[in-house]
């Protein structure tokens, strides 16, 4: 892709994320966004239909990146390597924590924004189905892993990231693989 297009899209995405920290998506106009990005409206419209389509692209890219990290967590890895993969996922979310919080807090609408969301859930479900021999409860287990993991990350960010990514990975790994019983010992 042309470097100018990449740069233009980067400026637009950064401007939108900055504006979203101040106001909801529905209140952000193309005119306001372009003023913040220092890009004219014709340039915006050459890349996007409207502001929600730009937001959709941001979310799609973010969820796609999370999916890449999820793909690295598999049963073929040693326990140490699986934990390292959890750490890498947490570090990725840490680097993009404001976007993660924004998406998480608007998660009731996330299904409407992107097919990447469904692809990520499907990847998790396929891992679970393989692991549990096509378990009839795979949908429930998938939702448990998906939402519990997301909630743990959200709580960690909301509480000021007091634990290191390594400490949180250890906690997540224990909860997701052994449940609460791990902490009753």
C-alpha atoms as a PDB file:
ATOM      1  CA  UNK A   1       0.000   0.000   0.000  1.00  0.00           C
ATOM      2  CA  UNK A   2       1.153   3.525  -0.780  1.00  0.00           C
ATOM      3  CA  UNK A   3       2.980   5.118   2.171  1.00  0.00           C
ATOM      4  CA  UNK A   4       0.830   8.265   1.888  1.00  0.00           C
ATOM      5  CA  UNK A   5      -2.339   6.213   2.274  1.00  0.00           C
ATOM      6  CA  UNK A   6      -0.902   4.388   5.277  1.00  0.00           C
ATOM      7  CA  UNK A   7       0.070   7.714   6.876  1.00  0.00           C
ATOM      8  CA  UNK A   8      -3.314   9.305   6.145  1.00  0.00           C
ATOM      9  CA  UNK A   9      -5.198   6.361   7.645  1.00  0.00           C
ATOM     10  CA  UNK A  10      -2.899   6.403  10.676  1.00  0.00           C
ATOM     11  CA  UNK A  11      -3.638  10.100  11.300  1.00  0.00           C
ATOM     12  CA  UNK A  12      -7.372   9.508  10.941  1.00  0.00           C
ATOM     13  CA  UNK A  13      -7.324   6.542  13.326  1.00  0.00           C
ATOM     14  CA  UNK A  14      -5.308   8.427  15.930  1.00  0.00           C
ATOM     15  CA  UNK A  15      -7.606  11.442  15.667  1.00  0.00           C
ATOM     16  CA  UNK A  16     -10.698   9.264  16.046  1.00  0.00           C
ATOM     17  CA  UNK A  17      -9.313   7.479  19.099  1.00  0.00           C
ATOM     18  CA  UNK A  18      -8.438  10.820  20.691  1.00  0.00           C
ATOM     19  CA  UNK A  19     -11.929  12.156  20.006  1.00  0.00           C
ATOM     20  CA  UNK A  20     -13.528   8.978  21.355  1.00  0.00           C
ATOM     21  CA  UNK A  21     -11.871   9.619  24.701  1.00  0.00           C
ATOM     22  CA  UNK A  22     -13.914  12.847  24.859  1.00  0.00           C
ATOM     23  CA  UNK A  23     -17.233  11.987  23.196  1.00  0.00           C
ATOM     24  CA  UNK A  24     -19.262   9.069  21.826  1.00  0.00           C
ATOM     25  CA  UNK A  25     -18.861   7.898  18.241  1.00  0.00           C
ATOM     26  CA  UNK A  26     -22.333   9.149  17.311  1.00  0.00           C
ATOM     27  CA  UNK A  27     -21.303  12.736  18.131  1.00  0.00           C
ATOM     28  CA  UNK A  28     -18.135  12.778  16.008  1.00  0.00           C
ATOM     29  CA  UNK A  29     -18.591  14.337  12.604  1.00  0.00           C
ATOM     30  CA  UNK A  30     -16.351  13.901   9.575  1.00  0.00           C
ATOM     31  CA  UNK A  31     -15.644  17.637   9.718  1.00  0.00           C
ATOM     32  CA  UNK A  32     -14.454  17.454  13.355  1.00  0.00           C
ATOM     33  CA  UNK A  33     -12.435  14.310  12.704  1.00  0.00           C
ATOM     34  CA  UNK A  34     -10.714  15.814   9.666  1.00  0.00           C
ATOM     35  CA  UNK A  35      -9.891  18.995  11.575  1.00  0.00           C
ATOM     36  CA  UNK A  36      -8.225  16.927  14.316  1.00  0.00           C
ATOM     37  CA  UNK A  37      -6.360  14.780  11.795  1.00  0.00           C
ATOM     38  CA  UNK A  38      -5.436  17.845   9.697  1.00  0.00           C
ATOM     39  CA  UNK A  39      -6.782  16.105   6.600  1.00  0.00           C
ATOM     40  CA  UNK A  40      -9.390  17.459   4.213  1.00  0.00           C
ATOM     41  CA  UNK A  41     -12.804  15.857   3.925  1.00  0.00           C
ATOM     42  CA  UNK A  42     -12.313  14.761   0.307  1.00  0.00           C
ATOM     43  CA  UNK A  43      -9.299  12.725   1.425  1.00  0.00           C
ATOM     44  CA  UNK A  44     -11.358  11.168   4.225  1.00  0.00           C
ATOM     45  CA  UNK A  45     -14.113  10.168   1.793  1.00  0.00           C
ATOM     46  CA  UNK A  46     -11.602   8.636  -0.591  1.00  0.00           C
ATOM     47  CA  UNK A  47     -10.876   6.064   2.140  1.00  0.00           C
ATOM     48  CA  UNK A  48     -14.051   5.770   4.241  1.00  0.00           C
ATOM     49  CA  UNK A  49     -17.811   6.048   3.814  1.00  0.00           C
ATOM     50  CA  UNK A  50     -18.351   7.612   7.249  1.00  0.00           C
ATOM     51  CA  UNK A  51     -16.888   7.785  10.774  1.00  0.00           C
ATOM     52  CA  UNK A  52     -18.367   4.412  11.871  1.00  0.00           C
ATOM     53  CA  UNK A  53     -16.670   2.696   8.921  1.00  0.00           C
ATOM     54  CA  UNK A  54     -13.327   4.058  10.133  1.00  0.00           C
ATOM     55  CA  UNK A  55     -14.111   2.791  13.639  1.00  0.00           C
ATOM     56  CA  UNK A  56     -15.038  -0.584  12.159  1.00  0.00           C
ATOM     57  CA  UNK A  57     -11.614  -0.795  10.519  1.00  0.00           C
ATOM     58  CA  UNK A  58      -9.879   0.068  13.800  1.00  0.00           C
ATOM     59  CA  UNK A  59     -11.797  -2.633  15.669  1.00  0.00           C
ATOM     60  CA  UNK A  60     -11.281  -5.191  12.904  1.00  0.00           C
ATOM     61  CA  UNK A  61      -7.536  -4.654  12.922  1.00  0.00           C
ATOM     62  CA  UNK A  62      -7.359  -4.825  16.723  1.00  0.00           C
ATOM     63  CA  UNK A  63      -9.425  -7.998  16.999  1.00  0.00           C
ATOM     64  CA  UNK A  64      -7.465  -9.550  14.144  1.00  0.00           C
ATOM     65  CA  UNK A  65      -4.233  -8.908  16.066  1.00  0.00           C
ATOM     66  CA  UNK A  66      -5.707 -10.455  19.212  1.00  0.00           C
ATOM     67  CA  UNK A  67      -6.690 -13.437  17.061  1.00  0.00           C
ATOM     68  CA  UNK A  68      -3.077 -13.846  15.970  1.00  0.00           C
ATOM     69  CA  UNK A  69      -2.047 -14.038  19.624  1.00  0.00           C
ATOM     70  CA  UNK A  70      -4.830 -16.526  20.392  1.00  0.00           C
ATOM     71  CA  UNK A  71      -3.614 -18.714  17.517  1.00  0.00           C
ATOM     72  CA  UNK A  72      -0.216 -18.934  19.199  1.00  0.00           C
ATOM     73  CA  UNK A  73      -1.761 -20.437  22.349  1.00  0.00           C
ATOM     74  CA  UNK A  74      -2.204 -24.093  21.531  1.00  0.00           C
ATOM     75  CA  UNK A  75      -1.903 -27.531  23.031  1.00  0.00           C
ATOM     76  CA  UNK A  76       1.228 -28.343  21.047  1.00  0.00           C
ATOM     77  CA  UNK A  77       3.158 -25.877  23.175  1.00  0.00           C
ATOM     78  CA  UNK A  78       4.726 -26.682  26.502  1.00  0.00           C
ATOM     79  CA  UNK A  79       3.080 -25.152  29.565  1.00  0.00           C
ATOM     80  CA  UNK A  80       5.923 -22.608  29.735  1.00  0.00           C
ATOM     81  CA  UNK A  81       5.415 -21.596  26.100  1.00  0.00           C
ATOM     82  CA  UNK A  82       1.623 -21.347  26.566  1.00  0.00           C
ATOM     83  CA  UNK A  83       2.168 -19.039  29.532  1.00  0.00           C
ATOM     84  CA  UNK A  84       4.605 -16.981  27.440  1.00  0.00           C
ATOM     85  CA  UNK A  85       1.912 -16.711  24.754  1.00  0.00           C
ATOM     86  CA  UNK A  86      -0.514 -15.420  27.414  1.00  0.00           C
ATOM     87  CA  UNK A  87       2.121 -12.859  28.476  1.00  0.00           C
ATOM     88  CA  UNK A  88       2.554 -11.741  24.859  1.00  0.00           C
ATOM     89  CA  UNK A  89      -1.220 -11.356  24.488  1.00  0.00           C
ATOM     90  CA  UNK A  90      -1.410  -9.313  27.700  1.00  0.00           C
ATOM     91  CA  UNK A  91       1.487  -7.101  26.598  1.00  0.00           C
ATOM     92  CA  UNK A  92      -0.294  -6.474  23.294  1.00  0.00           C
ATOM     93  CA  UNK A  93      -3.481  -5.474  25.132  1.00  0.00           C
ATOM     94  CA  UNK A  94      -1.388  -3.346  27.511  1.00  0.00           C
ATOM     95  CA  UNK A  95       0.111  -1.411  24.576  1.00  0.00           C
ATOM     96  CA  UNK A  96      -3.417  -0.790  23.280  1.00  0.00           C
ATOM     97  CA  UNK A  97      -5.242  -0.556  26.607  1.00  0.00           C
ATOM     98  CA  UNK A  98      -7.243   2.586  25.804  1.00  0.00           C
ATOM     99  CA  UNK A  99      -8.605   0.935  22.647  1.00  0.00           C
ATOM    100  CA  UNK A 100      -9.286  -2.306  24.535  1.00  0.00           C
ATOM    101  CA  UNK A 101     -11.272  -0.407  27.198  1.00  0.00           C
ATOM    102  CA  UNK A 102     -13.168   1.521  24.545  1.00  0.00           C
ATOM    103  CA  UNK A 103     -14.142  -1.700  22.769  1.00  0.00           C
ATOM    104  CA  UNK A 104     -14.901  -3.559  26.005  1.00  0.00           C
ATOM    105  CA  UNK A 105     -17.135  -0.792  27.325  1.00  0.00           C
ATOM    106  CA  UNK A 106     -19.044  -0.824  24.045  1.00  0.00           C
ATOM    107  CA  UNK A 107     -19.009  -4.604  23.710  1.00  0.00           C
ATOM    108  CA  UNK A 108     -22.788  -4.857  23.520  1.00  0.00           C
ATOM    109  CA  UNK A 109     -22.438  -3.439  20.005  1.00  0.00           C
ATOM    110  CA  UNK A 110     -19.220  -5.224  19.031  1.00  0.00           C
ATOM    111  CA  UNK A 111     -21.014  -7.936  17.061  1.00  0.00           C
ATOM    112  CA  UNK A 112     -22.426  -5.223  14.820  1.00  0.00           C
ATOM    113  CA  UNK A 113     -19.027  -3.736  14.096  1.00  0.00           C
ATOM    114  CA  UNK A 114     -16.982  -6.561  12.717  1.00  0.00           C
ATOM    115  CA  UNK A 115     -16.874 -10.090  11.462  1.00  0.00           C
ATOM    116  CA  UNK A 116     -13.412 -10.324  13.068  1.00  0.00           C
ATOM    117  CA  UNK A 117     -15.205 -10.669  16.412  1.00  0.00           C
ATOM    118  CA  UNK A 118     -16.996 -13.787  15.182  1.00  0.00           C
ATOM    119  CA  UNK A 119     -13.773 -15.124  13.649  1.00  0.00           C
ATOM    120  CA  UNK A 120     -11.984 -14.720  16.985  1.00  0.00           C
ATOM    121  CA  UNK A 121     -14.755 -16.572  18.836  1.00  0.00           C
ATOM    122  CA  UNK A 122     -14.650 -19.291  16.178  1.00  0.00           C
ATOM    123  CA  UNK A 123     -10.873 -19.698  16.626  1.00  0.00           C
ATOM    124  CA  UNK A 124     -11.347 -20.103  20.367  1.00  0.00           C
ATOM    125  CA  UNK A 125     -14.251 -22.512  19.836  1.00  0.00           C
ATOM    126  CA  UNK A 126     -12.215 -24.646  17.420  1.00  0.00           C
ATOM    127  CA  UNK A 127      -9.393 -24.897  19.959  1.00  0.00           C
ATOM    128  CA  UNK A 128     -11.873 -25.883  22.658  1.00  0.00           C
ATOM    129  CA  UNK A 129     -13.740 -28.346  20.446  1.00  0.00           C
ATOM    130  CA  UNK A 130     -10.489 -30.063  19.511  1.00  0.00           C
ATOM    131  CA  UNK A 131      -9.380 -30.148  23.115  1.00  0.00           C
ATOM    132  CA  UNK A 132     -12.689 -31.496  24.403  1.00  0.00           C
ATOM    133  CA  UNK A 133     -13.388 -33.946  21.575  1.00  0.00           C
ATOM    134  CA  UNK A 134     -16.141 -31.891  19.946  1.00  0.00           C
ATOM    135  CA  UNK A 135     -17.718 -31.255  23.326  1.00  0.00           C
ATOM    136  CA  UNK A 136     -21.437 -30.497  23.152  1.00  0.00           C
ATOM    137  CA  UNK A 137     -20.794 -27.659  25.597  1.00  0.00           C
ATOM    138  CA  UNK A 138     -18.178 -26.008  23.360  1.00  0.00           C
ATOM    139  CA  UNK A 139     -20.340 -22.875  22.897  1.00  0.00           C
ATOM    140  CA  UNK A 140     -20.612 -22.387  26.644  1.00  0.00           C
ATOM    141  CA  UNK A 141     -16.931 -23.081  27.208  1.00  0.00           C
ATOM    142  CA  UNK A 142     -16.013 -20.679  24.387  1.00  0.00           C
ATOM    143  CA  UNK A 143     -18.089 -17.895  25.918  1.00  0.00           C
ATOM    144  CA  UNK A 144     -16.573 -18.606  29.310  1.00  0.00           C
ATOM    145  CA  UNK A 145     -13.011 -18.308  27.981  1.00  0.00           C
ATOM    146  CA  UNK A 146     -13.830 -15.360  25.738  1.00  0.00           C
ATOM    147  CA  UNK A 147     -15.705 -13.234  28.245  1.00  0.00           C
ATOM    148  CA  UNK A 148     -13.783 -14.290  31.353  1.00  0.00           C
ATOM    149  CA  UNK A 149     -10.479 -13.497  29.649  1.00  0.00           C
ATOM    150  CA  UNK A 150     -11.776 -10.151  28.420  1.00  0.00           C
ATOM    151  CA  UNK A 151     -13.161  -9.293  31.855  1.00  0.00           C
ATOM    152  CA  UNK A 152      -9.873 -10.160  33.543  1.00  0.00           C
ATOM    153  CA  UNK A 153      -7.992  -7.887  31.145  1.00  0.00           C
ATOM    154  CA  UNK A 154     -10.524  -5.088  31.615  1.00  0.00           C
ATOM    155  CA  UNK A 155     -10.361  -5.367  35.409  1.00  0.00           C
ATOM    156  CA  UNK A 156      -6.559  -5.355  35.287  1.00  0.00           C
ATOM    157  CA  UNK A 157      -6.524  -2.171  33.195  1.00  0.00           C
ATOM    158  CA  UNK A 158      -9.253  -0.514  35.304  1.00  0.00           C
ATOM    159  CA  UNK A 159      -7.339  -1.274  38.501  1.00  0.00           C
ATOM    160  CA  UNK A 160      -4.237   0.474  37.201  1.00  0.00           C
ATOM    161  CA  UNK A 161      -2.327  -2.596  35.952  1.00  0.00           C
ATOM    162  CA  UNK A 162      -0.875  -3.312  39.400  1.00  0.00           C
ATOM    163  CA  UNK A 163       0.220  -6.809  38.399  1.00  0.00           C
ATOM    164  CA  UNK A 164       2.891  -7.358  35.793  1.00  0.00           C
ATOM    165  CA  UNK A 165       1.826  -9.011  32.542  1.00  0.00           C
ATOM    166  CA  UNK A 166       3.621 -12.136  33.793  1.00  0.00           C
ATOM    167  CA  UNK A 167       1.641 -12.157  37.050  1.00  0.00           C
ATOM    168  CA  UNK A 168      -1.639 -11.604  35.225  1.00  0.00           C
ATOM    169  CA  UNK A 169      -0.790 -14.344  32.706  1.00  0.00           C
ATOM    170  CA  UNK A 170      -0.187 -16.761  35.575  1.00  0.00           C
ATOM    171  CA  UNK A 171      -3.549 -15.820  37.116  1.00  0.00           C
ATOM    172  CA  UNK A 172      -5.402 -16.042  33.783  1.00  0.00           C
ATOM    173  CA  UNK A 173      -3.799 -19.354  32.922  1.00  0.00           C
ATOM    174  CA  UNK A 174      -4.706 -20.815  36.318  1.00  0.00           C
ATOM    175  CA  UNK A 175      -8.298 -19.558  36.195  1.00  0.00           C
ATOM    176  CA  UNK A 176      -8.897 -20.573  32.599  1.00  0.00           C
ATOM    177  CA  UNK A 177      -7.364 -24.030  32.948  1.00  0.00           C
ATOM    178  CA  UNK A 178      -8.125 -24.967  36.567  1.00  0.00           C
ATOM    179  CA  UNK A 179     -10.897 -22.603  37.580  1.00  0.00           C
ATOM    180  CA  UNK A 180     -11.463 -21.313  41.079  1.00  0.00           C
ATOM    181  CA  UNK A 181     -10.366 -24.626  42.633  1.00  0.00           C
ATOM    182  CA  UNK A 182      -6.738 -23.640  41.985  1.00  0.00           C
ATOM    183  CA  UNK A 183      -7.103 -20.960  44.670  1.00  0.00           C
ATOM    184  CA  UNK A 184      -8.683 -23.225  47.298  1.00  0.00           C
ATOM    185  CA  UNK A 185      -5.436 -25.118  47.902  1.00  0.00           C
END
